[in-house]
C-alpha atoms as a PDB file:
ATOM      1  CA  UNK A   1      86.415 114.512  90.866  1.00  0.00           C
ATOM      2  CA  UNK A   2      88.337 116.669  88.354  1.00  0.00           C
ATOM      3  CA  UNK A   3      91.667 115.308  87.152  1.00  0.00           C
ATOM      4  CA  UNK A   4      94.718 116.709  88.931  1.00  0.00           C
ATOM      5  CA  UNK A   5      98.088 117.757  87.546  1.00  0.00           C
ATOM      6  CA  UNK A   6     100.969 115.417  88.327  1.00  0.00           C
ATOM      7  CA  UNK A   7     103.039 118.347  89.538  1.00  0.00           C
ATOM      8  CA  UNK A   8     100.322 119.261  92.037  1.00  0.00           C
ATOM      9  CA  UNK A   9     100.195 115.698  93.382  1.00  0.00           C
ATOM     10  CA  UNK A  10     103.977 115.489  93.734  1.00  0.00           C
ATOM     11  CA  UNK A  11     104.237 118.938  95.326  1.00  0.00           C
ATOM     12  CA  UNK A  12     101.531 118.097  97.853  1.00  0.00           C
ATOM     13  CA  UNK A  13     103.313 114.858  98.768  1.00  0.00           C
ATOM     14  CA  UNK A  14     106.599 116.691  99.242  1.00  0.00           C
ATOM     15  CA  UNK A  15     104.945 119.333 101.424  1.00  0.00           C
ATOM     16  CA  UNK A  16     103.315 116.621 103.559  1.00  0.00           C
ATOM     17  CA  UNK A  17     106.576 114.729 103.965  1.00  0.00           C
ATOM     18  CA  UNK A  18     105.637 111.539 102.147  1.00  0.00           C
ATOM     19  CA  UNK A  19     105.700 110.145  98.597  1.00  0.00           C
ATOM     20  CA  UNK A  20     103.441 110.388  95.577  1.00  0.00           C
ATOM     21  CA  UNK A  21     102.596 106.927  94.239  1.00  0.00           C
ATOM     22  CA  UNK A  22     102.730 106.250  90.502  1.00  0.00           C
ATOM     23  CA  UNK A  23     101.460 102.896  89.244  1.00  0.00           C
ATOM     24  CA  UNK A  24     101.869 101.652  85.681  1.00  0.00           C
ATOM     25  CA  UNK A  25      98.809 100.406  83.850  1.00  0.00           C
ATOM     26  CA  UNK A  26      98.634  98.111  80.838  1.00  0.00           C
ATOM     27  CA  UNK A  27      94.890  97.738  80.357  1.00  0.00           C
ATOM     28  CA  UNK A  28      91.665  99.234  81.614  1.00  0.00           C
ATOM     29  CA  UNK A  29      91.439  96.717  84.477  1.00  0.00           C
ATOM     30  CA  UNK A  30      94.756  98.035  85.809  1.00  0.00           C
ATOM     31  CA  UNK A  31      93.485 101.614  85.744  1.00  0.00           C
ATOM     32  CA  UNK A  32      90.257 100.645  87.500  1.00  0.00           C
ATOM     33  CA  UNK A  33      92.146  98.645  90.123  1.00  0.00           C
ATOM     34  CA  UNK A  34      94.596 101.441  90.903  1.00  0.00           C
ATOM     35  CA  UNK A  35      91.794 103.966  91.285  1.00  0.00           C
ATOM     36  CA  UNK A  36      89.739 101.606  93.468  1.00  0.00           C
ATOM     37  CA  UNK A  37      92.773 101.016  95.679  1.00  0.00           C
ATOM     38  CA  UNK A  38      93.475 104.725  95.914  1.00  0.00           C
ATOM     39  CA  UNK A  39      89.871 105.457  96.841  1.00  0.00           C
ATOM     40  CA  UNK A  40      90.047 102.882  99.643  1.00  0.00           C
ATOM     41  CA  UNK A  41      93.193 104.627 100.910  1.00  0.00           C
ATOM     42  CA  UNK A  42      91.656 108.077 100.327  1.00  0.00           C
ATOM     43  CA  UNK A  43      94.849 109.070  98.540  1.00  0.00           C
ATOM     44  CA  UNK A  44      95.737 110.754  95.237  1.00  0.00           C
ATOM     45  CA  UNK A  45      97.362 108.561  92.619  1.00  0.00           C
ATOM     46  CA  UNK A  46      99.244 108.790  89.324  1.00  0.00           C
ATOM     47  CA  UNK A  47      98.371 106.401  86.484  1.00  0.00           C
ATOM     48  CA  UNK A  48     101.392 105.744  84.269  1.00  0.00           C
ATOM     49  CA  UNK A  49     101.426 104.485  80.676  1.00  0.00           C
ATOM     50  CA  UNK A  50     104.828 103.361  79.442  1.00  0.00           C
ATOM     51  CA  UNK A  51     106.112 103.501  75.887  1.00  0.00           C
ATOM     52  CA  UNK A  52     106.180  99.696  76.029  1.00  0.00           C
ATOM     53  CA  UNK A  53     102.462  99.657  76.840  1.00  0.00           C
ATOM     54  CA  UNK A  54     101.819 102.028  73.948  1.00  0.00           C
ATOM     55  CA  UNK A  55     103.730  99.645  71.677  1.00  0.00           C
ATOM     56  CA  UNK A  56     101.644  96.722  72.963  1.00  0.00           C
ATOM     57  CA  UNK A  57      98.374  98.481  72.141  1.00  0.00           C
ATOM     58  CA  UNK A  58      99.670  99.957  68.880  1.00  0.00           C
ATOM     59  CA  UNK A  59      98.761 103.511  69.881  1.00  0.00           C
ATOM     60  CA  UNK A  60      98.649 105.790  72.905  1.00  0.00           C
ATOM     61  CA  UNK A  61      95.161 107.230  72.461  1.00  0.00           C
ATOM     62  CA  UNK A  62      92.935 104.240  73.402  1.00  0.00           C
ATOM     63  CA  UNK A  63      94.528 103.530  76.780  1.00  0.00           C
ATOM     64  CA  UNK A  64      95.244 107.181  77.536  1.00  0.00           C
ATOM     65  CA  UNK A  65      91.644 108.217  76.887  1.00  0.00           C
ATOM     66  CA  UNK A  66      90.381 105.313  78.988  1.00  0.00           C
ATOM     67  CA  UNK A  67      92.682 106.311  81.855  1.00  0.00           C
ATOM     68  CA  UNK A  68      91.599 109.937  81.661  1.00  0.00           C
ATOM     69  CA  UNK A  69      87.926 108.914  81.626  1.00  0.00           C
ATOM     70  CA  UNK A  70      88.405 106.599  84.605  1.00  0.00           C
ATOM     71  CA  UNK A  71      90.219 109.355  86.471  1.00  0.00           C
ATOM     72  CA  UNK A  72      87.412 111.814  85.883  1.00  0.00           C
ATOM     73  CA  UNK A  73      85.020 109.466  87.687  1.00  0.00           C
ATOM     74  CA  UNK A  74      87.326 108.800  90.630  1.00  0.00           C
ATOM     75  CA  UNK A  75      86.640 109.902  94.172  1.00  0.00           C
ATOM     76  CA  UNK A  76      90.279 110.914  94.696  1.00  0.00           C
ATOM     77  CA  UNK A  77      92.665 113.106  92.675  1.00  0.00           C
ATOM     78  CA  UNK A  78      94.030 111.224  89.653  1.00  0.00           C
ATOM     79  CA  UNK A  79      96.611 112.271  87.089  1.00  0.00           C
ATOM     80  CA  UNK A  80      97.815 110.458  83.959  1.00  0.00           C
ATOM     81  CA  UNK A  81     101.493 110.280  83.059  1.00  0.00           C
ATOM     82  CA  UNK A  82     103.424 109.017  80.011  1.00  0.00           C
ATOM     83  CA  UNK A  83     106.329 106.959  81.351  1.00  0.00           C
ATOM     84  CA  UNK A  84     109.760 106.192  79.877  1.00  0.00           C
ATOM     85  CA  UNK A  85     109.162 107.652  76.443  1.00  0.00           C
ATOM     86  CA  UNK A  86     112.117 108.004  74.079  1.00  0.00           C
ATOM     87  CA  UNK A  87     110.244 109.290  71.021  1.00  0.00           C
ATOM     88  CA  UNK A  88     109.631 113.067  71.038  1.00  0.00           C
ATOM     89  CA  UNK A  89     106.694 112.547  68.661  1.00  0.00           C
ATOM     90  CA  UNK A  90     104.955 110.433  71.302  1.00  0.00           C
ATOM     91  CA  UNK A  91     105.519 113.233  73.798  1.00  0.00           C
ATOM     92  CA  UNK A  92     103.679 115.564  71.419  1.00  0.00           C
ATOM     93  CA  UNK A  93     100.794 113.127  71.149  1.00  0.00           C
ATOM     94  CA  UNK A  94     100.558 112.888  74.937  1.00  0.00           C
ATOM     95  CA  UNK A  95     100.352 116.668  75.177  1.00  0.00           C
ATOM     96  CA  UNK A  96      97.599 116.780  72.549  1.00  0.00           C
ATOM     97  CA  UNK A  97      95.608 114.078  74.359  1.00  0.00           C
ATOM     98  CA  UNK A  98      95.699 116.059  77.591  1.00  0.00           C
ATOM     99  CA  UNK A  99      98.023 113.941  79.697  1.00  0.00           C
ATOM    100  CA  UNK A 100      99.329 115.784  82.718  1.00  0.00           C
ATOM    101  CA  UNK A 101     102.991 114.834  82.540  1.00  0.00           C
ATOM    102  CA  UNK A 102     105.648 112.907  80.657  1.00  0.00           C
ATOM    103  CA  UNK A 103     108.857 111.150  81.607  1.00  0.00           C
ATOM    104  CA  UNK A 104     111.275 111.702  78.727  1.00  0.00           C
ATOM    105  CA  UNK A 105     114.108 109.197  78.899  1.00  0.00           C
ATOM    106  CA  UNK A 106     117.292 110.197  77.090  1.00  0.00           C
ATOM    107  CA  UNK A 107     119.504 108.496  79.680  1.00  0.00           C
ATOM    108  CA  UNK A 108     121.131 106.204  77.117  1.00  0.00           C
ATOM    109  CA  UNK A 109     122.592 109.231  75.312  1.00  0.00           C
ATOM    110  CA  UNK A 110     125.817 110.867  76.360  1.00  0.00           C
ATOM    111  CA  UNK A 111     125.429 113.753  78.775  1.00  0.00           C
ATOM    112  CA  UNK A 112     125.486 116.599  76.243  1.00  0.00           C
ATOM    113  CA  UNK A 113     122.963 114.933  73.927  1.00  0.00           C
ATOM    114  CA  UNK A 114     120.757 114.003  76.877  1.00  0.00           C
ATOM    115  CA  UNK A 115     120.711 117.645  77.993  1.00  0.00           C
ATOM    116  CA  UNK A 116     119.872 118.949  74.515  1.00  0.00           C
ATOM    117  CA  UNK A 117     117.114 116.433  73.794  1.00  0.00           C
ATOM    118  CA  UNK A 118     115.553 116.838  77.226  1.00  0.00           C
ATOM    119  CA  UNK A 119     115.707 120.643  77.185  1.00  0.00           C
ATOM    120  CA  UNK A 120     113.885 120.639  73.840  1.00  0.00           C
ATOM    121  CA  UNK A 121     111.115 118.422  75.243  1.00  0.00           C
ATOM    122  CA  UNK A 122     110.854 120.546  78.390  1.00  0.00           C
ATOM    123  CA  UNK A 123     110.426 123.722  76.357  1.00  0.00           C
ATOM    124  CA  UNK A 124     107.617 122.172  74.304  1.00  0.00           C
ATOM    125  CA  UNK A 125     105.862 120.664  77.294  1.00  0.00           C
ATOM    126  CA  UNK A 126     106.118 123.706  79.527  1.00  0.00           C
ATOM    127  CA  UNK A 127     104.564 125.797  76.763  1.00  0.00           C
ATOM    128  CA  UNK A 128     101.547 123.468  77.120  1.00  0.00           C
ATOM    129  CA  UNK A 129     101.766 123.439  80.957  1.00  0.00           C
ATOM    130  CA  UNK A 130     102.803 119.785  81.021  1.00  0.00           C
ATOM    131  CA  UNK A 131     105.108 118.608  83.831  1.00  0.00           C
ATOM    132  CA  UNK A 132     108.317 116.828  82.775  1.00  0.00           C
ATOM    133  CA  UNK A 133     110.396 114.137  84.462  1.00  0.00           C
ATOM    134  CA  UNK A 134     113.744 112.951  83.089  1.00  0.00           C
ATOM    135  CA  UNK A 135     116.446 110.449  84.032  1.00  0.00           C
ATOM    136  CA  UNK A 136     120.153 110.714  84.709  1.00  0.00           C
ATOM    137  CA  UNK A 137     122.202 107.575  85.335  1.00  0.00           C
ATOM    138  CA  UNK A 138     121.203 104.014  84.470  1.00  0.00           C
ATOM    139  CA  UNK A 139     118.359 102.379  86.388  1.00  0.00           C
ATOM    140  CA  UNK A 140     119.306  98.724  86.010  1.00  0.00           C
ATOM    141  CA  UNK A 141     122.140  99.508  83.606  1.00  0.00           C
ATOM    142  CA  UNK A 142     123.349  96.993  81.036  1.00  0.00           C
ATOM    143  CA  UNK A 143     126.362  96.118  83.228  1.00  0.00           C
ATOM    144  CA  UNK A 144     124.287  95.827  86.396  1.00  0.00           C
ATOM    145  CA  UNK A 145     122.916  98.268  88.954  1.00  0.00           C
ATOM    146  CA  UNK A 146     126.110  98.205  90.990  1.00  0.00           C
ATOM    147  CA  UNK A 147     128.550  98.638  88.081  1.00  0.00           C
ATOM    148  CA  UNK A 148     130.898 101.647  88.237  1.00  0.00           C
ATOM    149  CA  UNK A 149     129.501 104.759  86.612  1.00  0.00           C
ATOM    150  CA  UNK A 150     125.816 103.824  86.478  1.00  0.00           C
ATOM    151  CA  UNK A 151     124.812 105.686  89.662  1.00  0.00           C
ATOM    152  CA  UNK A 152     123.638 109.288  89.414  1.00  0.00           C
ATOM    153  CA  UNK A 153     126.264 111.815  90.479  1.00  0.00           C
ATOM    154  CA  UNK A 154     124.816 114.589  92.704  1.00  0.00           C
ATOM    155  CA  UNK A 155     126.929 117.404  91.223  1.00  0.00           C
ATOM    156  CA  UNK A 156     126.114 116.346  87.659  1.00  0.00           C
ATOM    157  CA  UNK A 157     122.440 115.935  88.586  1.00  0.00           C
ATOM    158  CA  UNK A 158     122.222 119.512  89.884  1.00  0.00           C
ATOM    159  CA  UNK A 159     123.849 120.820  86.693  1.00  0.00           C
ATOM    160  CA  UNK A 160     121.521 118.682  84.576  1.00  0.00           C
ATOM    161  CA  UNK A 161     118.396 120.042  86.249  1.00  0.00           C
ATOM    162  CA  UNK A 162     119.639 123.614  85.794  1.00  0.00           C
ATOM    163  CA  UNK A 163     120.466 123.005  82.121  1.00  0.00           C
ATOM    164  CA  UNK A 164     117.228 121.233  81.170  1.00  0.00           C
ATOM    165  CA  UNK A 165     114.589 122.827  83.400  1.00  0.00           C
ATOM    166  CA  UNK A 166     112.995 119.473  84.273  1.00  0.00           C
ATOM    167  CA  UNK A 167     110.399 119.337  87.021  1.00  0.00           C
ATOM    168  CA  UNK A 168     111.573 116.040  88.542  1.00  0.00           C
ATOM    169  CA  UNK A 169     114.542 113.733  88.171  1.00  0.00           C
ATOM    170  CA  UNK A 170     114.651 109.930  88.127  1.00  0.00           C
ATOM    171  CA  UNK A 171     117.938 108.804  89.632  1.00  0.00           C
ATOM    172  CA  UNK A 172     119.947 105.582  89.667  1.00  0.00           C
ATOM    173  CA  UNK A 173     120.537 104.497  93.272  1.00  0.00           C
ATOM    174  CA  UNK A 174     120.500 100.689  93.072  1.00  0.00           C
ATOM    175  CA  UNK A 175     117.121  99.667  91.680  1.00  0.00           C
ATOM    176  CA  UNK A 176     116.406  97.824  88.438  1.00  0.00           C
ATOM    177  CA  UNK A 177     113.298  97.555  86.292  1.00  0.00           C
ATOM    178  CA  UNK A 178     111.171  94.385  86.155  1.00  0.00           C
ATOM    179  CA  UNK A 179     112.510  92.829  89.357  1.00  0.00           C
ATOM    180  CA  UNK A 180     110.436  89.866  90.537  1.00  0.00           C
ATOM    181  CA  UNK A 181     112.056  89.811  93.990  1.00  0.00           C
ATOM    182  CA  UNK A 182     112.055  92.629  96.516  1.00  0.00           C
ATOM    183  CA  UNK A 183     115.705  92.571  97.516  1.00  0.00           C
ATOM    184  CA  UNK A 184     117.206  95.578  95.721  1.00  0.00           C
ATOM    185  CA  UNK A 185     120.105  97.147  97.623  1.00  0.00           C
ATOM    186  CA  UNK A 186     119.558 100.904  97.679  1.00  0.00           C
ATOM    187  CA  UNK A 187     122.318 103.415  98.302  1.00  0.00           C
ATOM    188  CA  UNK A 188     120.589 105.506 100.956  1.00  0.00           C
ATOM    189  CA  UNK A 189     123.598 107.745 101.429  1.00  0.00           C
ATOM    190  CA  UNK A 190     123.482 108.632  97.737  1.00  0.00           C
ATOM    191  CA  UNK A 191     119.754 109.351  97.963  1.00  0.00           C
ATOM    192  CA  UNK A 192     120.453 111.811 100.774  1.00  0.00           C
ATOM    193  CA  UNK A 193     123.270 113.454  98.820  1.00  0.00           C
ATOM    194  CA  UNK A 194     121.074 113.799  95.748  1.00  0.00           C
ATOM    195  CA  UNK A 195     118.264 115.290  97.828  1.00  0.00           C
ATOM    196  CA  UNK A 196     120.618 117.940  99.166  1.00  0.00           C
ATOM    197  CA  UNK A 197     122.039 118.742  95.716  1.00  0.00           C
ATOM    198  CA  UNK A 198     118.977 118.607  93.463  1.00  0.00           C
ATOM    199  CA  UNK A 199     116.270 121.293  93.762  1.00  0.00           C
ATOM    200  CA  UNK A 200     113.444 119.239  92.182  1.00  0.00           C
ATOM    201  CA  UNK A 201     111.651 116.091  93.397  1.00  0.00           C
ATOM    202  CA  UNK A 202     113.546 112.812  93.077  1.00  0.00           C
ATOM    203  CA  UNK A 203     111.889 109.790  91.467  1.00  0.00           C
ATOM    204  CA  UNK A 204     112.588 106.137  92.260  1.00  0.00           C
ATOM    205  CA  UNK A 205     112.130 103.834  89.279  1.00  0.00           C
ATOM    206  CA  UNK A 206     112.261 100.070  89.652  1.00  0.00           C
ATOM    207  CA  UNK A 207     110.535 100.279  93.025  1.00  0.00           C
ATOM    208  CA  UNK A 208     108.952  96.842  92.622  1.00  0.00           C
ATOM    209  CA  UNK A 209     112.299  95.429  93.712  1.00  0.00           C
ATOM    210  CA  UNK A 210     112.365  97.370  96.992  1.00  0.00           C
ATOM    211  CA  UNK A 211     111.049  95.904 100.249  1.00  0.00           C
ATOM    212  CA  UNK A 212     108.436  97.713 102.328  1.00  0.00           C
ATOM    213  CA  UNK A 213     111.037  98.915 104.876  1.00  0.00           C
ATOM    214  CA  UNK A 214     113.274  99.925 101.986  1.00  0.00           C
ATOM    215  CA  UNK A 215     110.518 102.068 100.506  1.00  0.00           C
ATOM    216  CA  UNK A 216     109.963 103.772 103.853  1.00  0.00           C
ATOM    217  CA  UNK A 217     113.687 104.457 104.153  1.00  0.00           C
ATOM    218  CA  UNK A 218     113.952 105.725 100.565  1.00  0.00           C
ATOM    219  CA  UNK A 219     111.129 108.188 101.152  1.00  0.00           C
ATOM    220  CA  UNK A 220     112.664 109.215 104.459  1.00  0.00           C
ATOM    221  CA  UNK A 221     115.959 109.961 102.730  1.00  0.00           C
ATOM    222  CA  UNK A 222     114.342 112.120 100.065  1.00  0.00           C
ATOM    223  CA  UNK A 223     112.508 110.220  97.318  1.00  0.00           C
ATOM    224  CA  UNK A 224     109.247 111.963  96.460  1.00  0.00           C
ATOM    225  CA  UNK A 225     107.724 109.999  93.550  1.00  0.00           C
ATOM    226  CA  UNK A 226     107.722 106.204  93.693  1.00  0.00           C
ATOM    227  CA  UNK A 227     107.061 104.204  90.501  1.00  0.00           C
ATOM    228  CA  UNK A 228     105.683 100.667  90.786  1.00  0.00           C
ATOM    229  CA  UNK A 229     104.783  98.326  87.929  1.00  0.00           C
ATOM    230  CA  UNK A 230     106.064  94.733  88.012  1.00  0.00           C
ATOM    231  CA  UNK A 231     104.976  94.167  91.618  1.00  0.00           C
ATOM    232  CA  UNK A 232     101.364  94.871  90.649  1.00  0.00           C
ATOM    233  CA  UNK A 233     101.653  92.676  87.558  1.00  0.00           C
ATOM    234  CA  UNK A 234     102.807  89.890  89.883  1.00  0.00           C
ATOM    235  CA  UNK A 235      99.696  90.328  92.025  1.00  0.00           C
ATOM    236  CA  UNK A 236      97.404  90.496  88.991  1.00  0.00           C
ATOM    237  CA  UNK A 237      98.844  87.400  87.314  1.00  0.00           C
ATOM    238  CA  UNK A 238      98.898  85.344  90.504  1.00  0.00           C
ATOM    239  CA  UNK A 239      95.204  86.066  91.091  1.00  0.00           C
ATOM    240  CA  UNK A 240      94.339  85.133  87.501  1.00  0.00           C
ATOM    241  CA  UNK A 241      96.281  81.859  87.795  1.00  0.00           C
ATOM    242  CA  UNK A 242      94.585  81.017  91.081  1.00  0.00           C
ATOM    243  CA  UNK A 243      91.138  81.732  89.658  1.00  0.00           C
ATOM    244  CA  UNK A 244      91.686  79.607  86.563  1.00  0.00           C
ATOM    245  CA  UNK A 245      93.145  76.778  88.644  1.00  0.00           C
ATOM    246  CA  UNK A 246      90.097  76.818  90.919  1.00  0.00           C
ATOM    247  CA  UNK A 247      87.636  77.276  88.045  1.00  0.00           C
ATOM    248  CA  UNK A 248      89.142  75.492  85.016  1.00  0.00           C
ATOM    249  CA  UNK A 249      85.883  75.699  83.050  1.00  0.00           C
ATOM    250  CA  UNK A 250      85.890  79.518  83.120  1.00  0.00           C
ATOM    251  CA  UNK A 251      85.738  81.124  79.679  1.00  0.00           C
ATOM    252  CA  UNK A 252      84.376  84.567  80.539  1.00  0.00           C
ATOM    253  CA  UNK A 253      87.404  86.898  80.811  1.00  0.00           C
ATOM    254  CA  UNK A 254      85.526  89.096  83.272  1.00  0.00           C
ATOM    255  CA  UNK A 255      85.791  86.334  85.854  1.00  0.00           C
ATOM    256  CA  UNK A 256      89.562  85.977  85.904  1.00  0.00           C
ATOM    257  CA  UNK A 257      90.378  89.577  84.972  1.00  0.00           C
ATOM    258  CA  UNK A 258      88.067  90.658  87.772  1.00  0.00           C
ATOM    259  CA  UNK A 259      90.081  88.534  90.200  1.00  0.00           C
ATOM    260  CA  UNK A 260      93.269  90.190  88.983  1.00  0.00           C
ATOM    261  CA  UNK A 261      91.727  93.622  89.287  1.00  0.00           C
ATOM    262  CA  UNK A 262      90.627  92.982  92.875  1.00  0.00           C
ATOM    263  CA  UNK A 263      94.102  91.751  93.854  1.00  0.00           C
ATOM    264  CA  UNK A 264      95.770  94.837  92.430  1.00  0.00           C
ATOM    265  CA  UNK A 265      93.305  97.152  94.168  1.00  0.00           C
ATOM    266  CA  UNK A 266      94.087  95.545  97.528  1.00  0.00           C
ATOM    267  CA  UNK A 267      97.837  95.856  97.002  1.00  0.00           C
ATOM    268  CA  UNK A 268      97.569  99.480  95.863  1.00  0.00           C
ATOM    269  CA  UNK A 269      95.739 100.350  99.076  1.00  0.00           C
ATOM    270  CA  UNK A 270      98.426  98.624 101.126  1.00  0.00           C
ATOM    271  CA  UNK A 271     101.308 100.296  99.280  1.00  0.00           C
ATOM    272  CA  UNK A 272      99.729 103.725  99.584  1.00  0.00           C
ATOM    273  CA  UNK A 273      99.617 103.235 103.334  1.00  0.00           C
ATOM    274  CA  UNK A 274     103.358 102.569 103.305  1.00  0.00           C
ATOM    275  CA  UNK A 275     104.301 105.404 100.979  1.00  0.00           C
ATOM    276  CA  UNK A 276     102.186 107.971 102.797  1.00  0.00           C
ATOM    277  CA  UNK A 277     103.807 107.472 106.191  1.00  0.00           C
ATOM    278  CA  UNK A 278     105.252 110.673 107.576  1.00  0.00           C
ATOM    279  CA  UNK A 279     108.836 111.215 106.451  1.00  0.00           C
ATOM    280  CA  UNK A 280     111.427 110.624 109.147  1.00  0.00           C
ATOM    281  CA  UNK A 281     114.386 112.989 109.198  1.00  0.00           C
ATOM    282  CA  UNK A 282     117.380 110.670 109.234  1.00  0.00           C
ATOM    283  CA  UNK A 283     121.095 111.333 108.873  1.00  0.00           C
ATOM    284  CA  UNK A 284     122.280 110.800 105.278  1.00  0.00           C
END
């Protein structure tokens, strides 16, 4: 099946009243697992490559090209997204490689500098028909997700979108990256207020820390793109540990990586079923 633009996948999810699922990948087994899980759910999916993953591999091209090639062979729509990039040069490389979207993260800058840097990236990417996500607020800020001032302000968010021209906005509503437990306390009232104020899709980062019911509620209140990474790494690593414990003589990486890949595929299918439930209209 031909690769699909991230913007098309997100727009279709919004029109259908559910969420687009975006799963981070670190190696080819992750990409294969996510696609296999999406095919079992008969659902489109977004493969995300973070700047940290690029740093791990030493370059974007090898993993990005592998993800694009895997997506081309998929039986469901697949798009490839560069996640949490802070280096504009890496954005340019993603555009040249043919990635469908980028998430440019200037959230650590003050507001004016964030707007300027993001608007510059948006102009370059839109010229190449590449969809752009940005962030306002601190997802898992240095002083904690519930510290004063780290949440995204709806009025400021609307002004930010107008000033930068971004296609989607990641917002800080109580999640944190790399959570190993699923007990994040989301501010659902704030999600509703942001949905009413912001004219582009809202993105939930740090979704690994959100329970299944919490994900359903977040989507119901207005989140349209849901990013998940650590939760899948948990599933992958647990399956590898179990395999090696049961088969201590194993030396062929395909054996234990295959177990990890199968575990991730199963969890992707399950999560897609949750995220693609019809949105419930609830009071914010």
